[in-house]
Amino acid sequence: MQESSGYAGPAVLPQFIPFTGYLDAQAAVDRLIEIYDRNTAFIRAAFADYAAGRFTPGQRARAYYPAIRIKVSTYQEVDSRLSYGHVVEPGNYMTTITQPSLFADYLREQIGLLLKNHGVPVEIGESDMPIPLHFAFTDGQYVEGQYSDALGDSLRDHFDVPDLVVTDDAIVNGTWRGRGGEPQPLAPFTAPRVDYSLHRLQHYTATAPRHFQNFVLFTNYQFYIDEFCQWARETLAKEEGGYTALVEPGNVVTERGAGAVPSGPAPTRMPQMPSYHLVRENHSGITLINIGIGPSNAKTITDHVAVLRPNAWLMLGHCAGLRTTQRLGDYVLAHGYVRQDHVLDDDLPLWVPVPPLAEIQVALEDAVAEASGLSGWELKRIMRTGTVATIDNRNWELRDHHEPVQRLSQSRAIALDMESATIAANGFRFRVPYGTLLCVSDKPLHGELKLPGMASDFYRRQVGQHLHIGIRALEGLRDMPPERLHSRKLRSFIETAFK
């Protein structure tokens, strides 16, 4: 061990690991894992000593995140169709990394593209960003459960704790401003920002981040959860689709095969936004999250899922139909959004358009056509493409109708909900391909409120079909090369090399 000056006195650190160049992506990832595992183990061991009273007064333990850096000295000719995998101009670039075992597939892909497109080594070593004590405990472990209140009073004197100054979205928001000589960002999130969200995901969804899949469905209706779990179990029993397990809240696992039973009981209390994961090799399965109601929940969960860098996410929910020609149970495929949710105004200005992504739109329309047996002109009988308005007032019907109805009419909106624009806008902000397919559940402007007994057979049949349309769309997107799915529409002038 060596000693180095910390901000609260001398700190005891593990032996320093300098940066070393690599021309092999797997070897680079292996080195990241080695550094991270050693440094977090060092912090946990130091904490065990601290909790047992074996720290001397003034002693401080610290270890640093591993990092990836690359130096590019020339403008490189790259395939103009690519939206990621290369830096845009010569310079020094770096990112800190956390939990590299969890992100191994992602890191191999990103590092491999850098090596291919620039032909210079990537360097792996220790950064100068300390790992907070709380983030050295992974897989749902919590520091709070391992020390007394009395010990907790002095934690800051002996360990680094989460620092919100370096835990933000400046890179993805385009507001990052580096200090003189500081490397440019290589990835959209820093290690502390990723760690923050990984711990929040466990808290909000009651499943460990390692179970999340690369294709995500969000819903606001419990029926979809019930239908998904039933379909997932039937699919696993038949051993179809390449799926290997279903993971439910509490990390309860049901393996593939007839007669498989859950690994344990469900939690006595469900989390705020329970998640369900139909697992497939290389995280290519489907995650379904019940986000509840409202734009605040929609922003909260997408803020955290985004750090996992999913390939796509879709919103499947209910909405108010705004046109007389719509029926209960009709589908709405969003190709534009009116953003009156107010939760992202400071991160993504309202004047920024949130465009439809062709790959997502086609996948959803094809899935509706396949499920309904309709196509072309006939498909318009049950699905309408247009603008979805998202608001933060569930009881908007109780206001004076003149102002909201006029605005909805001017926008050409065909549906109204409380989550879709938020999820799409955060997808745009975080460079995650997004889409929305809604089901009309009421028509408040035309006297058809969401009341018991009003659902027709057509509506019930369409709701049952809706989830499977979303699943089929994601399965279609899964077959698409990721570099094609990740649209250049999501990228700004100066972008990170990592997607």
Protein backbone atom coordinates (compact mmCIF):
# COMPACT_ATOMS: atom_id res chain seq x y z
CA MET A 1 0.00 0.00 0.00
CA GLN A 2 1.02 3.60 -0.48
CA GLU A 3 -0.04 6.87 1.09
CA SER A 4 -1.24 9.91 -0.79
CA SER A 5 -2.59 13.26 0.28
CA GLY A 6 -6.39 13.31 0.52
CA TYR A 7 -8.67 16.25 1.12
CA ALA A 8 -9.05 15.35 4.82
CA GLY A 9 -5.54 14.23 5.64
CA PRO A 10 -3.31 11.37 4.45
CA ALA A 11 -5.13 8.48 2.80
CA VAL A 12 -4.12 4.82 2.63
CA LEU A 13 -4.46 3.51 -0.93
CA PRO A 14 -3.77 0.28 -2.76
CA GLN A 15 -0.69 0.20 -4.98
CA PHE A 16 -1.08 2.64 -7.88
CA ILE A 17 -1.80 1.09 -11.32
CA PRO A 18 -0.49 3.26 -14.19
CA PHE A 19 -2.09 3.47 -17.62
CA THR A 20 -1.09 0.78 -20.12
CA GLY A 21 -1.95 0.61 -23.82
CA TYR A 22 -4.07 -2.20 -25.31
CA LEU A 23 -4.85 -3.18 -28.89
CA ASP A 24 -7.22 -5.98 -27.87
CA ALA A 25 -10.70 -5.09 -26.57
CA GLN A 26 -11.06 -8.21 -24.41
CA ALA A 27 -7.69 -7.64 -22.74
CA ALA A 28 -8.66 -4.02 -22.04
CA VAL A 29 -11.95 -5.09 -20.44
CA ASP A 30 -10.16 -7.73 -18.36
CA ARG A 31 -7.82 -5.04 -17.02
CA LEU A 32 -10.76 -2.78 -16.14
CA ILE A 33 -12.37 -5.64 -14.20
CA GLU A 34 -9.10 -6.38 -12.41
CA ILE A 35 -8.61 -2.78 -11.27
CA TYR A 36 -12.22 -2.28 -10.24
CA ASP A 37 -12.49 -5.54 -8.32
CA ARG A 38 -9.23 -4.92 -6.48
CA ASN A 39 -10.08 -1.33 -5.55
CA THR A 40 -13.63 -1.98 -4.37
CA ALA A 41 -12.43 -4.98 -2.34
CA PHE A 42 -9.84 -2.68 -0.74
CA ILE A 43 -12.56 -0.21 0.30
CA ARG A 44 -14.83 -2.94 1.68
CA ALA A 45 -11.98 -4.45 3.68
CA ALA A 46 -11.09 -1.03 5.06
CA PHE A 47 -14.71 -0.49 6.02
CA ALA A 48 -14.79 -3.82 7.87
CA ASP A 49 -11.76 -2.66 9.86
CA TYR A 50 -13.45 0.68 10.54
CA ALA A 51 -16.69 -0.96 11.70
CA ALA A 52 -14.68 -3.24 14.00
CA GLY A 53 -12.92 -0.26 15.58
CA ARG A 54 -9.53 -0.99 14.03
CA PHE A 55 -9.04 2.46 12.44
CA THR A 56 -6.58 4.87 14.04
CA PRO A 57 -7.62 8.52 14.55
CA GLY A 58 -7.25 10.45 11.30
CA GLN A 59 -6.83 7.34 9.15
CA ARG A 60 -8.48 7.54 5.74
CA ALA A 61 -8.99 4.81 3.13
CA ARG A 62 -9.37 5.57 -0.56
CA ALA A 63 -9.28 3.85 -3.95
CA TYR A 64 -9.99 5.15 -7.44
CA TYR A 65 -12.21 4.19 -10.36
CA PRO A 66 -10.51 2.58 -13.36
CA ALA A 67 -10.55 4.61 -16.55
CA ILE A 68 -10.26 4.29 -20.32
CA ARG A 69 -8.42 6.93 -22.29
CA ILE A 70 -7.37 7.37 -25.91
CA LYS A 71 -5.28 9.95 -27.73
CA VAL A 72 -6.12 10.67 -31.36
CA SER A 73 -3.76 12.95 -33.27
CA THR A 74 -5.37 13.05 -36.72
CA TYR A 75 -8.79 13.45 -38.29
CA GLN A 76 -9.79 9.89 -39.12
CA GLU A 77 -11.85 8.90 -42.16
CA VAL A 78 -14.70 6.73 -40.84
CA ASP A 79 -17.88 5.30 -42.29
CA SER A 80 -20.26 8.27 -42.46
CA ARG A 81 -23.20 6.01 -41.68
CA LEU A 82 -21.91 5.33 -38.16
CA SER A 83 -23.33 7.40 -35.31
CA TYR A 84 -20.88 6.18 -32.66
CA GLY A 85 -17.63 4.28 -32.24
CA HIS A 86 -15.25 7.11 -33.13
CA VAL A 87 -14.19 10.55 -31.86
CA VAL A 88 -15.04 13.54 -34.01
CA GLU A 89 -11.72 15.37 -33.85
CA PRO A 90 -8.13 14.95 -32.62
CA GLY A 91 -7.60 15.20 -28.88
CA ASN A 92 -7.36 13.36 -25.58
CA TYR A 93 -10.48 11.51 -24.41
CA MET A 94 -11.22 9.65 -21.18
CA THR A 95 -14.03 8.15 -19.12
CA THR A 96 -14.18 6.57 -15.70
CA ILE A 97 -15.69 3.09 -15.46
CA THR A 98 -17.70 1.29 -12.79
CA GLN A 99 -18.84 -2.34 -12.56
CA PRO A 100 -17.04 -3.39 -15.77
CA SER A 101 -18.20 -7.00 -15.37
CA LEU A 102 -21.81 -5.82 -15.69
CA PHE A 103 -20.95 -3.74 -18.77
CA ALA A 104 -18.46 -6.19 -20.31
CA ASP A 105 -20.37 -6.72 -23.59
CA TYR A 106 -20.95 -2.99 -24.01
CA LEU A 107 -17.33 -2.12 -23.23
CA ARG A 108 -15.97 -4.74 -25.62
CA GLU A 109 -18.11 -3.33 -28.42
CA GLN A 110 -17.20 0.30 -27.76
CA ILE A 111 -13.49 -0.32 -27.27
CA GLY A 112 -13.40 -2.60 -30.30
CA LEU A 113 -14.90 0.13 -32.48
CA LEU A 114 -12.35 2.67 -31.23
CA LEU A 115 -9.51 0.31 -32.07
CA LYS A 116 -10.97 -0.46 -35.49
CA ASN A 117 -11.76 3.14 -36.45
CA HIS A 118 -8.64 4.87 -35.12
CA GLY A 119 -5.92 2.23 -35.13
CA VAL A 120 -4.31 3.50 -31.92
CA PRO A 121 -4.23 1.75 -28.55
CA VAL A 122 -6.68 2.48 -25.76
CA GLU A 123 -5.10 2.97 -22.36
CA ILE A 124 -6.41 1.40 -19.17
CA GLY A 125 -5.39 2.53 -15.69
CA GLU A 126 -6.50 4.29 -12.52
CA SER A 127 -8.27 7.64 -12.66
CA ASP A 128 -8.07 10.37 -10.02
CA MET A 129 -11.78 10.02 -9.15
CA PRO A 130 -12.31 8.29 -5.76
CA ILE A 131 -14.84 5.48 -5.43
CA PRO A 132 -17.40 6.44 -2.76
CA LEU A 133 -17.80 3.93 0.03
CA HIS A 134 -21.50 3.46 -0.73
CA PHE A 135 -20.74 2.49 -4.35
CA ALA A 136 -18.16 -0.13 -3.39
CA PHE A 137 -21.09 -2.33 -2.32
CA THR A 138 -22.93 -3.81 -5.31
CA ASP A 139 -25.77 -6.26 -6.00
CA GLY A 140 -28.18 -4.63 -3.60
CA GLN A 141 -25.85 -4.51 -0.60
CA TYR A 142 -26.26 -1.39 1.48
CA VAL A 143 -23.68 0.27 3.69
CA GLU A 144 -26.44 1.51 5.97
CA GLY A 145 -27.16 -2.01 7.17
CA GLN A 146 -23.60 -2.64 8.28
CA TYR A 147 -22.73 0.05 10.78
CA SER A 148 -24.32 1.78 13.75
CA ASP A 149 -25.58 5.35 13.77
CA ALA A 150 -22.67 6.31 15.98
CA LEU A 151 -20.15 5.00 13.44
CA GLY A 152 -22.01 6.71 10.61
CA ASP A 153 -21.40 10.16 12.09
CA SER A 154 -17.71 9.97 11.21
CA LEU A 155 -17.82 8.22 7.84
CA ARG A 156 -16.78 11.32 5.94
CA ASP A 157 -13.64 11.55 8.04
CA HIS A 158 -12.46 8.13 6.87
CA PHE A 159 -14.04 7.38 3.47
CA ASP A 160 -15.13 9.14 0.30
CA VAL A 161 -18.90 9.54 0.02
CA PRO A 162 -21.04 10.32 -3.05
CA ASP A 163 -20.37 13.81 -4.39
CA LEU A 164 -23.20 15.40 -6.38
CA VAL A 165 -20.74 17.87 -7.91
CA VAL A 166 -19.43 15.06 -10.15
CA THR A 167 -22.73 13.15 -10.40
CA ASP A 168 -24.72 14.95 -13.07
CA ASP A 169 -25.92 14.85 -16.68
CA ALA A 170 -23.70 17.61 -18.03
CA ILE A 171 -22.31 15.40 -20.80
CA VAL A 172 -25.64 14.20 -22.21
CA ASN A 173 -27.22 17.63 -21.72
CA GLY A 174 -24.45 19.25 -23.76
CA THR A 175 -23.49 21.57 -20.90
CA TRP A 176 -20.15 19.93 -20.01
CA ARG A 177 -17.28 22.42 -19.83
CA GLY A 178 -13.85 20.97 -19.17
CA ARG A 179 -11.07 22.69 -17.29
CA GLY A 180 -7.83 23.54 -19.09
CA GLY A 181 -6.02 20.39 -20.15
CA GLU A 182 -8.84 18.08 -19.02
CA PRO A 183 -9.58 15.21 -21.45
CA GLN A 184 -12.78 15.32 -23.47
CA PRO A 185 -15.55 12.89 -22.41
CA LEU A 186 -15.35 9.46 -24.02
CA ALA A 187 -18.73 8.16 -22.72
CA PRO A 188 -22.09 9.79 -21.94
CA PHE A 189 -21.91 9.09 -18.19
CA THR A 190 -19.16 9.19 -15.57
CA ALA A 191 -18.67 6.27 -13.19
CA PRO A 192 -20.29 8.04 -10.17
CA ARG A 193 -23.34 8.93 -12.29
CA VAL A 194 -23.67 5.29 -13.39
CA ASP A 195 -23.23 4.01 -9.83
CA TYR A 196 -25.90 6.38 -8.57
CA SER A 197 -28.43 5.01 -11.06
CA LEU A 198 -27.50 1.35 -10.54
CA HIS A 199 -28.29 1.71 -6.84
CA ARG A 200 -31.52 3.59 -7.61
CA LEU A 201 -32.66 0.86 -10.02
CA GLN A 202 -32.39 -1.74 -7.29
CA HIS A 203 -34.38 0.53 -4.98
CA TYR A 204 -37.20 1.43 -7.38
CA THR A 205 -37.64 -1.89 -9.20
CA ALA A 206 -36.53 -4.51 -6.61
CA THR A 207 -34.39 -6.31 -9.18
CA ALA A 208 -30.61 -6.16 -9.57
CA PRO A 209 -29.21 -4.23 -12.57
CA ARG A 210 -27.57 -7.40 -13.91
CA HIS A 211 -31.02 -8.74 -14.84
CA PHE A 212 -32.04 -5.80 -17.03
CA GLN A 213 -32.25 -6.56 -20.73
CA ASN A 214 -31.36 -4.38 -23.73
CA PHE A 215 -34.95 -4.06 -24.97
CA VAL A 216 -37.30 -2.29 -22.56
CA LEU A 217 -41.06 -1.84 -22.36
CA PHE A 218 -42.64 0.75 -20.07
CA THR A 219 -46.31 0.52 -19.13
CA ASN A 220 -48.80 2.20 -16.83
CA TYR A 221 -51.29 -0.63 -16.62
CA GLN A 222 -51.12 -3.74 -14.40
CA PHE A 223 -52.86 -5.91 -17.00
CA TYR A 224 -49.72 -5.84 -19.13
CA ILE A 225 -47.63 -7.13 -16.23
CA ASP A 226 -49.99 -10.05 -15.64
CA GLU A 227 -50.13 -10.88 -19.34
CA PHE A 228 -46.34 -10.60 -19.71
CA CYS A 229 -45.62 -12.95 -16.82
CA GLN A 230 -48.13 -15.51 -18.06
CA TRP A 231 -46.76 -15.40 -21.60
CA ALA A 232 -43.16 -15.51 -20.33
CA ARG A 233 -43.80 -18.64 -18.27
CA GLU A 234 -45.52 -20.36 -21.20
CA THR A 235 -42.64 -19.41 -23.50
CA LEU A 236 -40.05 -20.70 -21.03
CA ALA A 237 -41.97 -23.96 -20.51
CA LYS A 238 -41.94 -24.51 -24.29
CA GLU A 239 -38.28 -23.42 -24.46
CA GLU A 240 -39.04 -21.04 -27.32
CA GLY A 241 -37.46 -17.79 -28.50
CA GLY A 242 -34.06 -18.39 -26.95
CA TYR A 243 -35.27 -17.07 -23.59
CA THR A 244 -33.64 -18.64 -20.53
CA ALA A 245 -35.38 -17.26 -17.42
CA LEU A 246 -37.96 -14.87 -15.99
CA VAL A 247 -36.76 -12.59 -13.18
CA GLU A 248 -39.41 -10.88 -11.03
CA PRO A 249 -39.18 -8.37 -8.15
CA GLY A 250 -37.06 -9.66 -5.31
CA ASN A 251 -34.74 -11.27 -7.89
CA VAL A 252 -37.07 -14.28 -7.99
CA VAL A 253 -35.97 -16.45 -10.92
CA THR A 254 -37.97 -19.00 -12.93
CA GLU A 255 -35.71 -21.01 -15.23
CA ARG A 256 -36.50 -22.38 -18.67
CA GLY A 257 -38.19 -25.79 -18.96
CA ALA A 258 -41.49 -27.46 -18.22
CA GLY A 259 -42.32 -27.66 -14.52
CA ALA A 260 -39.84 -24.95 -13.48
CA VAL A 261 -40.78 -23.18 -10.25
CA PRO A 262 -39.77 -19.74 -8.92
CA SER A 263 -36.59 -19.62 -6.84
CA GLY A 264 -38.33 -17.95 -3.91
CA PRO A 265 -41.38 -16.03 -2.72
CA ALA A 266 -42.38 -12.62 -4.05
CA PRO A 267 -41.58 -9.59 -1.84
CA THR A 268 -44.10 -8.86 0.89
CA ARG A 269 -44.26 -5.29 -0.40
CA MET A 270 -43.91 -4.38 -4.05
CA PRO A 271 -41.50 -1.60 -5.05
CA GLN A 272 -42.59 1.69 -6.56
CA MET A 273 -41.89 0.60 -10.14
CA PRO A 274 -41.60 -3.21 -10.28
CA SER A 275 -39.63 -4.69 -13.16
CA TYR A 276 -39.82 -8.07 -14.91
CA HIS A 277 -37.08 -9.49 -17.09
CA LEU A 278 -37.41 -12.19 -19.73
CA VAL A 279 -33.74 -13.07 -19.97
CA ARG A 280 -31.89 -13.99 -23.13
CA GLU A 281 -28.21 -14.46 -23.95
CA ASN A 282 -26.12 -11.26 -24.06
CA HIS A 283 -28.94 -9.30 -22.39
CA SER A 284 -30.94 -9.52 -25.65
CA GLY A 285 -34.21 -10.29 -23.87
CA ILE A 286 -37.05 -8.00 -22.79
CA THR A 287 -37.52 -5.96 -19.61
CA LEU A 288 -41.01 -4.73 -18.68
CA ILE A 289 -41.43 -2.00 -16.03
CA ASN A 290 -44.70 -0.80 -14.54
CA ILE A 291 -43.91 2.89 -14.09
CA GLY A 292 -47.28 3.86 -12.63
CA ILE A 293 -48.83 7.19 -13.48
CA GLY A 294 -47.27 10.52 -14.26
CA PRO A 295 -44.28 12.21 -15.88
CA SER A 296 -42.26 12.29 -12.65
CA ASN A 297 -42.16 8.49 -12.52
CA ALA A 298 -41.43 8.35 -16.25
CA LYS A 299 -38.43 10.66 -15.89
CA THR A 300 -37.17 8.96 -12.74
CA ILE A 301 -37.03 5.46 -14.21
CA THR A 302 -35.62 6.48 -17.59
CA ASP A 303 -32.94 8.59 -15.89
CA HIS A 304 -31.67 5.37 -14.33
CA VAL A 305 -32.33 2.76 -17.04
CA ALA A 306 -30.39 4.98 -19.48
CA VAL A 307 -27.02 4.22 -17.84
CA LEU A 308 -27.43 0.56 -18.87
CA ARG A 309 -27.32 1.76 -22.51
CA PRO A 310 -30.32 -0.26 -23.75
CA ASN A 311 -30.77 -0.77 -27.47
CA ALA A 312 -34.34 0.58 -27.44
CA TRP A 313 -37.25 1.40 -25.17
CA LEU A 314 -40.97 1.64 -25.94
CA MET A 315 -43.96 3.05 -24.10
CA LEU A 316 -47.08 0.86 -24.12
CA GLY A 317 -49.87 2.57 -22.23
CA HIS A 318 -53.40 3.86 -22.22
CA CYS A 319 -54.42 7.27 -23.48
CA ALA A 320 -57.36 9.55 -24.06
CA GLY A 321 -58.45 9.59 -27.70
CA LEU A 322 -59.09 13.13 -28.94
CA ARG A 323 -60.82 12.45 -32.26
CA THR A 324 -64.45 11.50 -32.89
CA THR A 325 -63.43 8.76 -35.33
CA GLN A 326 -61.42 6.86 -32.72
CA ARG A 327 -62.90 3.92 -30.83
CA LEU A 328 -61.98 2.52 -27.43
CA GLY A 329 -59.19 0.06 -28.12
CA ASP A 330 -57.78 1.84 -31.18
CA TYR A 331 -54.01 2.18 -31.33
CA VAL A 332 -52.04 5.41 -31.50
CA LEU A 333 -48.54 5.38 -32.99
CA ALA A 334 -46.82 8.59 -31.92
CA HIS A 335 -44.76 10.44 -34.49
CA GLY A 336 -44.59 13.70 -32.55
CA TYR A 337 -45.15 15.01 -29.03
CA VAL A 338 -46.59 18.04 -27.26
CA ARG A 339 -44.56 18.32 -24.08
CA GLN A 340 -46.58 19.73 -21.19
CA ASP A 341 -45.06 17.39 -18.59
CA HIS A 342 -42.67 20.07 -17.23
CA VAL A 343 -40.20 17.60 -15.70
CA LEU A 344 -37.56 17.94 -18.44
CA ASP A 345 -37.85 21.63 -19.28
CA ASP A 346 -34.48 22.45 -17.65
CA ASP A 347 -32.66 19.52 -19.32
CA LEU A 348 -34.17 19.55 -22.81
CA PRO A 349 -35.72 22.90 -23.83
CA LEU A 350 -39.25 22.78 -25.20
CA TRP A 351 -38.12 24.24 -28.51
CA VAL A 352 -36.11 21.08 -29.20
CA PRO A 353 -38.16 18.71 -31.41
CA VAL A 354 -38.32 15.04 -30.45
CA PRO A 355 -38.39 13.34 -33.87
CA PRO A 356 -39.83 9.94 -34.75
CA LEU A 357 -37.21 7.27 -35.45
CA ALA A 358 -37.94 5.42 -38.68
CA GLU A 359 -36.62 2.07 -37.48
CA ILE A 360 -38.86 2.11 -34.41
CA GLN A 361 -41.91 3.38 -36.31
CA VAL A 362 -41.64 0.67 -38.95
CA ALA A 363 -41.13 -2.06 -36.33
CA LEU A 364 -44.24 -0.98 -34.43
CA GLU A 365 -46.42 -0.63 -37.53
CA ASP A 366 -45.29 -4.02 -38.82
CA ALA A 367 -46.06 -5.58 -35.43
CA VAL A 368 -49.58 -4.09 -35.41
CA ALA A 369 -50.18 -5.35 -38.95
CA GLU A 370 -48.96 -8.84 -38.04
CA ALA A 371 -51.07 -9.03 -34.87
CA SER A 372 -54.24 -7.66 -36.44
CA GLY A 373 -54.02 -9.26 -39.85
CA LEU A 374 -54.57 -5.84 -41.43
CA SER A 375 -52.24 -3.84 -43.63
CA GLY A 376 -52.06 -0.70 -45.73
CA TRP A 377 -55.29 1.26 -45.92
CA GLU A 378 -57.16 -1.28 -43.79
CA LEU A 379 -54.70 -0.85 -40.89
CA LYS A 380 -55.98 2.71 -40.48
CA ARG A 381 -59.25 1.27 -39.17
CA ILE A 382 -57.60 0.42 -35.84
CA MET A 383 -54.45 2.58 -35.73
CA ARG A 384 -53.79 6.25 -36.22
CA THR A 385 -50.36 7.88 -36.48
CA GLY A 386 -50.02 11.40 -35.11
CA THR A 387 -49.08 13.70 -32.27
CA VAL A 388 -49.40 12.64 -28.63
CA ALA A 389 -49.74 15.32 -25.96
CA THR A 390 -48.36 14.58 -22.49
CA ILE A 391 -49.49 16.62 -19.49
CA ASP A 392 -48.82 16.56 -15.75
CA ASN A 393 -52.42 17.16 -14.64
CA ARG A 394 -54.44 13.94 -14.53
CA ASN A 395 -57.65 15.86 -13.94
CA TRP A 396 -57.25 18.26 -16.82
CA GLU A 397 -60.92 17.63 -17.72
CA LEU A 398 -61.95 19.67 -14.67
CA ARG A 399 -60.37 22.87 -16.02
CA ASP A 400 -62.06 25.40 -18.29
CA HIS A 401 -61.94 23.48 -21.56
CA HIS A 402 -61.40 26.45 -23.87
CA GLU A 403 -57.64 26.84 -23.37
CA PRO A 404 -56.48 23.19 -23.28
CA VAL A 405 -58.81 22.10 -26.09
CA GLN A 406 -57.66 24.96 -28.32
CA ARG A 407 -53.99 24.08 -27.75
CA LEU A 408 -54.62 20.40 -28.42
CA SER A 409 -56.45 21.26 -31.64
CA GLN A 410 -53.68 23.59 -32.82
CA SER A 411 -51.07 20.88 -32.20
CA ARG A 412 -53.11 18.33 -34.22
CA ALA A 413 -52.85 15.99 -31.24
CA ILE A 414 -54.79 12.75 -31.54
CA ALA A 415 -54.17 11.41 -28.03
CA LEU A 416 -53.36 12.59 -24.53
CA ASP A 417 -51.45 10.84 -21.75
CA MET A 418 -49.05 11.53 -18.87
CA GLU A 419 -45.87 9.62 -19.73
CA SER A 420 -45.14 9.16 -23.45
CA ALA A 421 -43.50 12.49 -24.27
CA THR A 422 -41.34 12.24 -21.16
CA ILE A 423 -40.06 8.80 -22.12
CA ALA A 424 -39.45 9.84 -25.72
CA ALA A 425 -37.74 13.11 -24.71
CA ASN A 426 -35.47 11.30 -22.28
CA GLY A 427 -34.69 8.74 -24.97
CA PHE A 428 -33.68 11.60 -27.25
CA ARG A 429 -31.65 13.23 -24.46
CA PHE A 430 -29.85 10.02 -23.49
CA ARG A 431 -29.39 8.75 -27.09
CA VAL A 432 -31.61 5.69 -26.52
CA PRO A 433 -33.90 4.78 -29.46
CA TYR A 434 -37.52 5.30 -28.37
CA GLY A 435 -41.09 4.82 -29.54
CA THR A 436 -44.70 4.96 -28.36
CA LEU A 437 -47.74 2.82 -29.09
CA LEU A 438 -50.82 3.67 -27.03
CA CYS A 439 -54.29 2.17 -26.70
CA VAL A 440 -57.33 4.46 -26.47
CA SER A 441 -59.07 3.79 -23.15
CA ASP A 442 -61.46 6.76 -23.01
CA LYS A 443 -62.62 9.79 -24.99
CA PRO A 444 -63.29 12.53 -22.43
CA LEU A 445 -64.00 15.21 -25.04
CA HIS A 446 -66.78 13.04 -26.42
CA GLY A 447 -68.44 11.82 -23.23
CA GLU A 448 -66.74 8.43 -23.07
CA LEU A 449 -65.01 8.48 -19.71
CA LYS A 450 -63.05 5.59 -18.23
CA LEU A 451 -65.87 4.10 -16.14
CA PRO A 452 -66.73 0.52 -15.14
CA GLY A 453 -68.76 -1.41 -17.69
CA MET A 454 -67.97 0.78 -20.68
CA ALA A 455 -65.31 -1.48 -22.19
CA SER A 456 -66.47 -3.23 -25.33
CA ASP A 457 -65.36 -6.65 -26.53
CA PHE A 458 -63.27 -4.84 -29.15
CA TYR A 459 -61.50 -2.84 -26.43
CA ARG A 460 -60.78 -5.91 -24.30
CA ARG A 461 -59.44 -7.78 -27.30
CA GLN A 462 -57.21 -4.89 -28.33
CA VAL A 463 -55.76 -4.48 -24.84
CA GLY A 464 -54.89 -8.17 -24.78
CA GLN A 465 -53.20 -7.78 -28.15
CA HIS A 466 -51.32 -4.58 -27.28
CA LEU A 467 -48.58 -6.14 -25.15
CA HIS A 468 -47.78 -8.77 -27.75
CA ILE A 469 -47.44 -6.07 -30.39
CA GLY A 470 -44.80 -4.38 -28.23
CA ILE A 471 -42.98 -7.68 -27.69
CA ARG A 472 -43.03 -8.47 -31.40
CA ALA A 473 -41.71 -5.00 -32.25
CA LEU A 474 -38.78 -5.41 -29.87
CA GLU A 475 -38.01 -8.86 -31.22
CA GLY A 476 -37.89 -7.35 -34.69
CA LEU A 477 -35.57 -4.58 -33.52
CA ARG A 478 -33.35 -7.18 -31.87
CA ASP A 479 -32.64 -8.67 -35.28
CA MET A 480 -31.40 -5.31 -36.55
CA PRO A 481 -27.66 -4.46 -36.34
CA PRO A 482 -27.18 -2.06 -33.38
CA GLU A 483 -25.28 0.47 -35.50
CA ARG A 484 -28.34 0.75 -37.75
CA LEU A 485 -30.83 0.95 -34.89
CA HIS A 486 -28.89 3.70 -33.11
CA SER A 487 -30.05 6.57 -35.33
CA ARG A 488 -27.80 9.51 -36.21
CA LYS A 489 -30.79 11.68 -35.30
CA LEU A 490 -29.84 11.11 -31.68
CA ARG A 491 -26.37 12.64 -32.02
CA SER A 492 -25.36 16.29 -31.72
CA PHE A 493 -22.41 18.17 -33.23
CA ILE A 494 -19.79 17.06 -30.71
CA GLU A 495 -20.57 13.58 -29.36
CA THR A 496 -18.92 10.97 -27.17
CA ALA A 497 -17.46 7.99 -29.00
CA PHE A 498 -19.40 5.57 -26.80
CA LYS A 499 -23.09 5.28 -27.64
